[in-house]
Amino acid sequence: MRSFEESQRSYRKSQRRSYGKSQRRSYGKSEEFIWEVTEEVIWEVAQAVIWKVTEVILEIKAKVIWET
């Protein structure tokens, strides 16, 4: 399982990749460009949030098991 920090690194890398990639295609297609970037960013943020929530749930389970 990836850590939250790894997910954030992946998110930043994908932002750089998608920005550079879409800059080349953005002439006359600004609406398309905005949607592509927005969709990618939403997906990356969702993945980072899912990983963080999973980590927190596992930590809580570990504490509950340890205390019982």
PDB file of N, CA and C in Angstrom:
ATOM      1  N   MET A   1       0.847  -1.186   0.000  1.00  0.00           N
ATOM      2  CA  MET A   1       0.000   0.000   0.000  1.00  0.00           C
ATOM      3  C   MET A   1       0.890   1.245   0.000  1.00  0.00           C
ATOM      4  N   ARG A   2       0.505   2.226  -0.825  1.00  0.00           N
ATOM      5  CA  ARG A   2       1.299   3.454  -0.902  1.00  0.00           C
ATOM      6  C   ARG A   2       0.999   4.343   0.289  1.00  0.00           C
ATOM      7  N   SER A   3       2.016   5.050   0.729  1.00  0.00           N
ATOM      8  CA  SER A   3       1.808   5.980   1.829  1.00  0.00           C
ATOM      9  C   SER A   3       1.204   7.268   1.296  1.00  0.00           C
ATOM     10  N   PHE A   4       0.740   8.090   2.204  1.00  0.00           N
ATOM     11  CA  PHE A   4       0.152   9.373   1.821  1.00  0.00           C
ATOM     12  C   PHE A   4       1.183  10.236   1.104  1.00  0.00           C
ATOM     13  N   GLU A   5       2.434  10.221   1.586  1.00  0.00           N
ATOM     14  CA  GLU A   5       3.497  11.019   0.965  1.00  0.00           C
ATOM     15  C   GLU A   5       3.747  10.564  -0.471  1.00  0.00           C
ATOM     16  N   GLU A   6       3.748   9.252  -0.695  1.00  0.00           N
ATOM     17  CA  GLU A   6       3.941   8.741  -2.057  1.00  0.00           C
ATOM     18  C   GLU A   6       2.788   9.174  -2.953  1.00  0.00           C
ATOM     19  N   SER A   7       1.575   9.150  -2.418  1.00  0.00           N
ATOM     20  CA  SER A   7       0.410   9.585  -3.195  1.00  0.00           C
ATOM     21  C   SER A   7       0.524  11.058  -3.556  1.00  0.00           C
ATOM     22  N   GLN A   8       0.993  11.868  -2.591  1.00  0.00           N
ATOM     23  CA  GLN A   8       1.153  13.298  -2.872  1.00  0.00           C
ATOM     24  C   GLN A   8       2.215  13.519  -3.939  1.00  0.00           C
ATOM     25  N   ARG A   9       3.323  12.770  -3.855  1.00  0.00           N
ATOM     26  CA  ARG A   9       4.384  12.891  -4.872  1.00  0.00           C
ATOM     27  C   ARG A   9       3.833  12.535  -6.241  1.00  0.00           C
ATOM     28  N   SER A  10       3.066  11.455  -6.290  1.00  0.00           N
ATOM     29  CA  SER A  10       2.466  11.019  -7.546  1.00  0.00           C
ATOM     30  C   SER A  10       1.524  12.095  -8.080  1.00  0.00           C
ATOM     31  N   TYR A  11       0.767  12.703  -7.180  1.00  0.00           N
ATOM     32  CA  TYR A  11      -0.163  13.766  -7.572  1.00  0.00           C
ATOM     33  C   TYR A  11       0.596  14.948  -8.175  1.00  0.00           C
ATOM     34  N   ARG A  12       1.680  15.365  -7.521  1.00  0.00           N
ATOM     35  CA  ARG A  12       2.464  16.501  -8.037  1.00  0.00           C
ATOM     36  C   ARG A  12       3.083  16.164  -9.383  1.00  0.00           C
ATOM     37  N   LYS A  13       3.597  14.940  -9.533  1.00  0.00           N
ATOM     38  CA  LYS A  13       4.185  14.534 -10.816  1.00  0.00           C
ATOM     39  C   LYS A  13       3.140  14.564 -11.915  1.00  0.00           C
ATOM     40  N   SER A  14       1.954  14.047 -11.624  1.00  0.00           N
ATOM     41  CA  SER A  14       0.917  14.008 -12.657  1.00  0.00           C
ATOM     42  C   SER A  14       0.464  15.414 -13.012  1.00  0.00           C
ATOM     43  N   GLN A  15       0.477  16.315 -12.027  1.00  0.00           N
ATOM     44  CA  GLN A  15       0.116  17.699 -12.333  1.00  0.00           C
ATOM     45  C   GLN A  15       1.115  18.288 -13.311  1.00  0.00           C
ATOM     46  N   ARG A  16       2.398  18.065 -13.052  1.00  0.00           N
ATOM     47  CA  ARG A  16       3.435  18.595 -13.950  1.00  0.00           C
ATOM     48  C   ARG A  16       3.302  17.971 -15.331  1.00  0.00           C
ATOM     49  N   ARG A  17       3.096  16.653 -15.365  1.00  0.00           N
ATOM     50  CA  ARG A  17       2.955  15.958 -16.647  1.00  0.00           C
ATOM     51  C   ARG A  17       1.765  16.487 -17.429  1.00  0.00           C
ATOM     52  N   SER A  18       0.614  16.562 -16.766  1.00  0.00           N
ATOM     53  CA  SER A  18      -0.600  16.967 -17.479  1.00  0.00           C
ATOM     54  C   SER A  18      -0.510  18.424 -17.900  1.00  0.00           C
ATOM     55  N   TYR A  19       0.139  19.256 -17.105  1.00  0.00           N
ATOM     56  CA  TYR A  19       0.260  20.669 -17.476  1.00  0.00           C
ATOM     57  C   TYR A  19       1.108  20.800 -18.731  1.00  0.00           C
ATOM     58  N   GLY A  20       2.259  20.155 -18.745  1.00  0.00           N
ATOM     59  CA  GLY A  20       3.139  20.235 -19.909  1.00  0.00           C
ATOM     60  C   GLY A  20       2.497  19.644 -21.149  1.00  0.00           C
ATOM     61  N   LYS A  21       1.837  18.514 -20.972  1.00  0.00           N
ATOM     62  CA  LYS A  21       1.209  17.820 -22.094  1.00  0.00           C
ATOM     63  C   LYS A  21       0.086  18.676 -22.679  1.00  0.00           C
ATOM     64  N   SER A  22      -0.747  19.214 -21.810  1.00  0.00           N
ATOM     65  CA  SER A  22      -1.903  19.941 -22.314  1.00  0.00           C
ATOM     66  C   SER A  22      -1.538  21.334 -22.809  1.00  0.00           C
ATOM     67  N   GLN A  23      -0.426  21.896 -22.338  1.00  0.00           N
ATOM     68  CA  GLN A  23       0.003  23.201 -22.858  1.00  0.00           C
ATOM     69  C   GLN A  23       0.242  23.100 -24.359  1.00  0.00           C
ATOM     70  N   ARG A  24       0.791  21.982 -24.786  1.00  0.00           N
ATOM     71  CA  ARG A  24       1.096  21.806 -26.209  1.00  0.00           C
ATOM     72  C   ARG A  24      -0.175  21.713 -27.047  1.00  0.00           C
ATOM     73  N   ARG A  25      -1.262  21.211 -26.447  1.00  0.00           N
ATOM     74  CA  ARG A  25      -2.493  20.995 -27.208  1.00  0.00           C
ATOM     75  C   ARG A  25      -3.538  22.072 -26.968  1.00  0.00           C
ATOM     76  N   SER A  26      -3.223  23.072 -26.166  1.00  0.00           N
ATOM     77  CA  SER A  26      -4.269  23.974 -25.693  1.00  0.00           C
ATOM     78  C   SER A  26      -4.643  25.083 -26.665  1.00  0.00           C
ATOM     79  N   TYR A  27      -3.915  25.260 -27.740  1.00  0.00           N
ATOM     80  CA  TYR A  27      -4.241  26.337 -28.672  1.00  0.00           C
ATOM     81  C   TYR A  27      -5.605  26.100 -29.294  1.00  0.00           C
ATOM     82  N   GLY A  28      -6.544  26.997 -28.999  1.00  0.00           N
ATOM     83  CA  GLY A  28      -7.886  26.893 -29.560  1.00  0.00           C
ATOM     84  C   GLY A  28      -8.756  25.826 -28.919  1.00  0.00           C
ATOM     85  N   LYS A  29      -8.262  25.171 -27.889  1.00  0.00           N
ATOM     86  CA  LYS A  29      -9.028  24.086 -27.253  1.00  0.00           C
ATOM     87  C   LYS A  29      -9.062  24.298 -25.742  1.00  0.00           C
ATOM     88  N   SER A  30      -9.202  25.528 -25.307  1.00  0.00           N
ATOM     89  CA  SER A  30      -9.075  25.803 -23.879  1.00  0.00           C
ATOM     90  C   SER A  30     -10.113  25.058 -23.042  1.00  0.00           C
ATOM     91  N   GLU A  31     -11.335  24.919 -23.535  1.00  0.00           N
ATOM     92  CA  GLU A  31     -12.355  24.209 -22.767  1.00  0.00           C
ATOM     93  C   GLU A  31     -11.976  22.741 -22.584  1.00  0.00           C
ATOM     94  N   GLU A  32     -11.512  22.128 -23.659  1.00  0.00           N
ATOM     95  CA  GLU A  32     -11.070  20.735 -23.616  1.00  0.00           C
ATOM     96  C   GLU A  32      -9.901  20.586 -22.644  1.00  0.00           C
ATOM     97  N   PHE A  33      -8.958  21.503 -22.737  1.00  0.00           N
ATOM     98  CA  PHE A  33      -7.771  21.511 -21.877  1.00  0.00           C
ATOM     99  C   PHE A  33      -8.182  21.580 -20.406  1.00  0.00           C
ATOM    100  N   ILE A  34      -9.072  22.508 -20.094  1.00  0.00           N
ATOM    101  CA  ILE A  34      -9.498  22.685 -18.700  1.00  0.00           C
ATOM    102  C   ILE A  34     -10.163  21.410 -18.197  1.00  0.00           C
ATOM    103  N   TRP A  35     -11.035  20.797 -19.005  1.00  0.00           N
ATOM    104  CA  TRP A  35     -11.717  19.582 -18.570  1.00  0.00           C
ATOM    105  C   TRP A  35     -10.728  18.453 -18.342  1.00  0.00           C
ATOM    106  N   GLU A  36      -9.763  18.257 -19.261  1.00  0.00           N
ATOM    107  CA  GLU A  36      -8.779  17.177 -19.109  1.00  0.00           C
ATOM    108  C   GLU A  36      -7.996  17.337 -17.820  1.00  0.00           C
ATOM    109  N   VAL A  37      -7.495  18.535 -17.581  1.00  0.00           N
ATOM    110  CA  VAL A  37      -6.695  18.781 -16.378  1.00  0.00           C
ATOM    111  C   VAL A  37      -7.563  18.605 -15.139  1.00  0.00           C
ATOM    112  N   THR A  38      -8.776  19.152 -15.166  1.00  0.00           N
ATOM    113  CA  THR A  38      -9.679  19.041 -14.016  1.00  0.00           C
ATOM    114  C   THR A  38      -9.969  17.577 -13.702  1.00  0.00           C
ATOM    115  N   GLU A  39     -10.244  16.798 -14.726  1.00  0.00           N
ATOM    116  CA  GLU A  39     -10.545  15.381 -14.540  1.00  0.00           C
ATOM    117  C   GLU A  39      -9.349  14.651 -13.921  1.00  0.00           C
ATOM    118  N   GLU A  40      -8.147  14.922 -14.426  1.00  0.00           N
ATOM    119  CA  GLU A  40      -6.945  14.274 -13.892  1.00  0.00           C
ATOM    120  C   GLU A  40      -6.698  14.684 -12.449  1.00  0.00           C
ATOM    121  N   VAL A  41      -6.850  15.968 -12.160  1.00  0.00           N
ATOM    122  CA  VAL A  41      -6.608  16.462 -10.802  1.00  0.00           C
ATOM    123  C   VAL A  41      -7.625  15.862  -9.838  1.00  0.00           C
ATOM    124  N   ILE A  42      -8.885  15.828 -10.244  1.00  0.00           N
ATOM    125  CA  ILE A  42      -9.925  15.243  -9.383  1.00  0.00           C
ATOM    126  C   ILE A  42      -9.578  13.788  -9.067  1.00  0.00           C
ATOM    127  N   TRP A  43      -9.171  13.026 -10.072  1.00  0.00           N
ATOM    128  CA  TRP A  43      -8.831  11.618  -9.870  1.00  0.00           C
ATOM    129  C   TRP A  43      -7.644  11.468  -8.927  1.00  0.00           C
ATOM    130  N   GLU A  44      -6.597  12.265  -9.129  1.00  0.00           N
ATOM    131  CA  GLU A  44      -5.408  12.166  -8.276  1.00  0.00           C
ATOM    132  C   GLU A  44      -5.724  12.558  -6.833  1.00  0.00           C
ATOM    133  N   VAL A  45      -6.513  13.607  -6.645  1.00  0.00           N
ATOM    134  CA  VAL A  45      -6.887  14.029  -5.294  1.00  0.00           C
ATOM    135  C   VAL A  45      -7.727  12.940  -4.636  1.00  0.00           C
ATOM    136  N   ALA A  46      -8.661  12.371  -5.388  1.00  0.00           N
ATOM    137  CA  ALA A  46      -9.499  11.300  -4.839  1.00  0.00           C
ATOM    138  C   ALA A  46      -8.641  10.121  -4.390  1.00  0.00           C
ATOM    139  N   GLN A  47      -7.646   9.753  -5.195  1.00  0.00           N
ATOM    140  CA  GLN A  47      -6.767   8.643  -4.813  1.00  0.00           C
ATOM    141  C   GLN A  47      -5.990   8.975  -3.540  1.00  0.00           C
ATOM    142  N   ALA A  48      -5.474  10.196  -3.449  1.00  0.00           N
ATOM    143  CA  ALA A  48      -4.720  10.595  -2.254  1.00  0.00           C
ATOM    144  C   ALA A  48      -5.614  10.551  -1.019  1.00  0.00           C
ATOM    145  N   VAL A  49      -6.851  11.015  -1.152  1.00  0.00           N
ATOM    146  CA  VAL A  49      -7.789  11.010  -0.025  1.00  0.00           C
ATOM    147  C   VAL A  49      -8.116   9.577   0.378  1.00  0.00           C
ATOM    148  N   ILE A  50      -8.359   8.720  -0.597  1.00  0.00           N
ATOM    149  CA  ILE A  50      -8.669   7.314  -0.299  1.00  0.00           C
ATOM    150  C   ILE A  50      -7.517   6.658   0.457  1.00  0.00           C
ATOM    151  N   TRP A  51      -6.272   6.905   0.012  1.00  0.00           N
ATOM    152  CA  TRP A  51      -5.118   6.319   0.700  1.00  0.00           C
ATOM    153  C   TRP A  51      -5.018   6.829   2.133  1.00  0.00           C
ATOM    154  N   LYS A  52      -5.238   8.128   2.340  1.00  0.00           N
ATOM    155  CA  LYS A  52      -5.125   8.693   3.684  1.00  0.00           C
ATOM    156  C   LYS A  52      -6.212   8.125   4.591  1.00  0.00           C
ATOM    157  N   VAL A  53      -7.430   8.045   4.093  1.00  0.00           N
ATOM    158  CA  VAL A  53      -8.534   7.492   4.887  1.00  0.00           C
ATOM    159  C   VAL A  53      -8.242   6.037   5.237  1.00  0.00           C
ATOM    160  N   THR A  54      -7.725   5.276   4.281  1.00  0.00           N
ATOM    161  CA  THR A  54      -7.373   3.877   4.527  1.00  0.00           C
ATOM    162  C   THR A  54      -6.314   3.776   5.620  1.00  0.00           C
ATOM    163  N   GLU A  55      -5.291   4.634   5.559  1.00  0.00           N
ATOM    164  CA  GLU A  55      -4.249   4.628   6.595  1.00  0.00           C
ATOM    165  C   GLU A  55      -4.839   4.911   7.966  1.00  0.00           C
ATOM    166  N   VAL A  56      -5.706   5.915   8.052  1.00  0.00           N
ATOM    167  CA  VAL A  56      -6.308   6.286   9.333  1.00  0.00           C
ATOM    168  C   VAL A  56      -7.159   5.143   9.869  1.00  0.00           C
ATOM    169  N   ILE A  57      -7.951   4.520   9.012  1.00  0.00           N
ATOM    170  CA  ILE A  57      -8.794   3.392   9.442  1.00  0.00           C
ATOM    171  C   ILE A  57      -7.924   2.252   9.967  1.00  0.00           C
ATOM    172  N   LEU A  58      -6.843   1.948   9.263  1.00  0.00           N
ATOM    173  CA  LEU A  58      -5.955   0.868   9.711  1.00  0.00           C
ATOM    174  C   LEU A  58      -5.287   1.212  11.040  1.00  0.00           C
ATOM    175  N   GLU A  59      -4.911   2.479  11.226  1.00  0.00           N
ATOM    176  CA  GLU A  59      -4.321   2.892  12.504  1.00  0.00           C
ATOM    177  C   GLU A  59      -5.332   2.740  13.635  1.00  0.00           C
ATOM    178  N   ILE A  60      -6.568   3.140  13.389  1.00  0.00           N
ATOM    179  CA  ILE A  60      -7.615   3.020  14.413  1.00  0.00           C
ATOM    180  C   ILE A  60      -7.852   1.551  14.745  1.00  0.00           C
ATOM    181  N   LYS A  61      -7.933   0.701  13.727  1.00  0.00           N
ATOM    182  CA  LYS A  61      -8.122  -0.738  13.966  1.00  0.00           C
ATOM    183  C   LYS A  61      -6.969  -1.300  14.793  1.00  0.00           C
ATOM    184  N   ALA A  62      -5.749  -0.893  14.459  1.00  0.00           N
ATOM    185  CA  ALA A  62      -4.581  -1.383  15.190  1.00  0.00           C
ATOM    186  C   ALA A  62      -4.649  -0.960  16.656  1.00  0.00           C
ATOM    187  N   LYS A  63      -5.058   0.279  16.916  1.00  0.00           N
ATOM    188  CA  LYS A  63      -5.168   0.762  18.301  1.00  0.00           C
ATOM    189  C   LYS A  63      -6.237  -0.013  19.055  1.00  0.00           C
ATOM    190  N   VAL A  64      -7.375  -0.251  18.400  1.00  0.00           N
ATOM    191  CA  VAL A  64      -8.470  -0.982  19.047  1.00  0.00           C
ATOM    192  C   VAL A  64      -8.027  -2.402  19.374  1.00  0.00           C
ATOM    193  N   ILE A  65      -7.372  -3.051  18.432  1.00  0.00           N
ATOM    194  CA  ILE A  65      -6.891  -4.418  18.661  1.00  0.00           C
ATOM    195  C   ILE A  65      -5.855  -4.433  19.779  1.00  0.00           C
ATOM    196  N   TRP A  66      -4.957  -3.444  19.783  1.00  0.00           N
ATOM    197  CA  TRP A  66      -3.896  -3.378  20.788  1.00  0.00           C
ATOM    198  C   TRP A  66      -4.477  -3.178  22.181  1.00  0.00           C
ATOM    199  N   GLU A  67      -5.537  -2.377  22.291  1.00  0.00           N
ATOM    200  CA  GLU A  67      -6.112  -2.051  23.597  1.00  0.00           C
ATOM    201  C   GLU A  67      -7.011  -3.156  24.136  1.00  0.00           C
ATOM    202  N   THR A  68      -7.477  -4.067  23.274  1.00  0.00           N
ATOM    203  CA  THR A  68      -8.386  -5.110  23.774  1.00  0.00           C
ATOM    204  C   THR A  68      -7.639  -6.377  24.108  1.00  0.00           C
TER     205      THR A  68
END
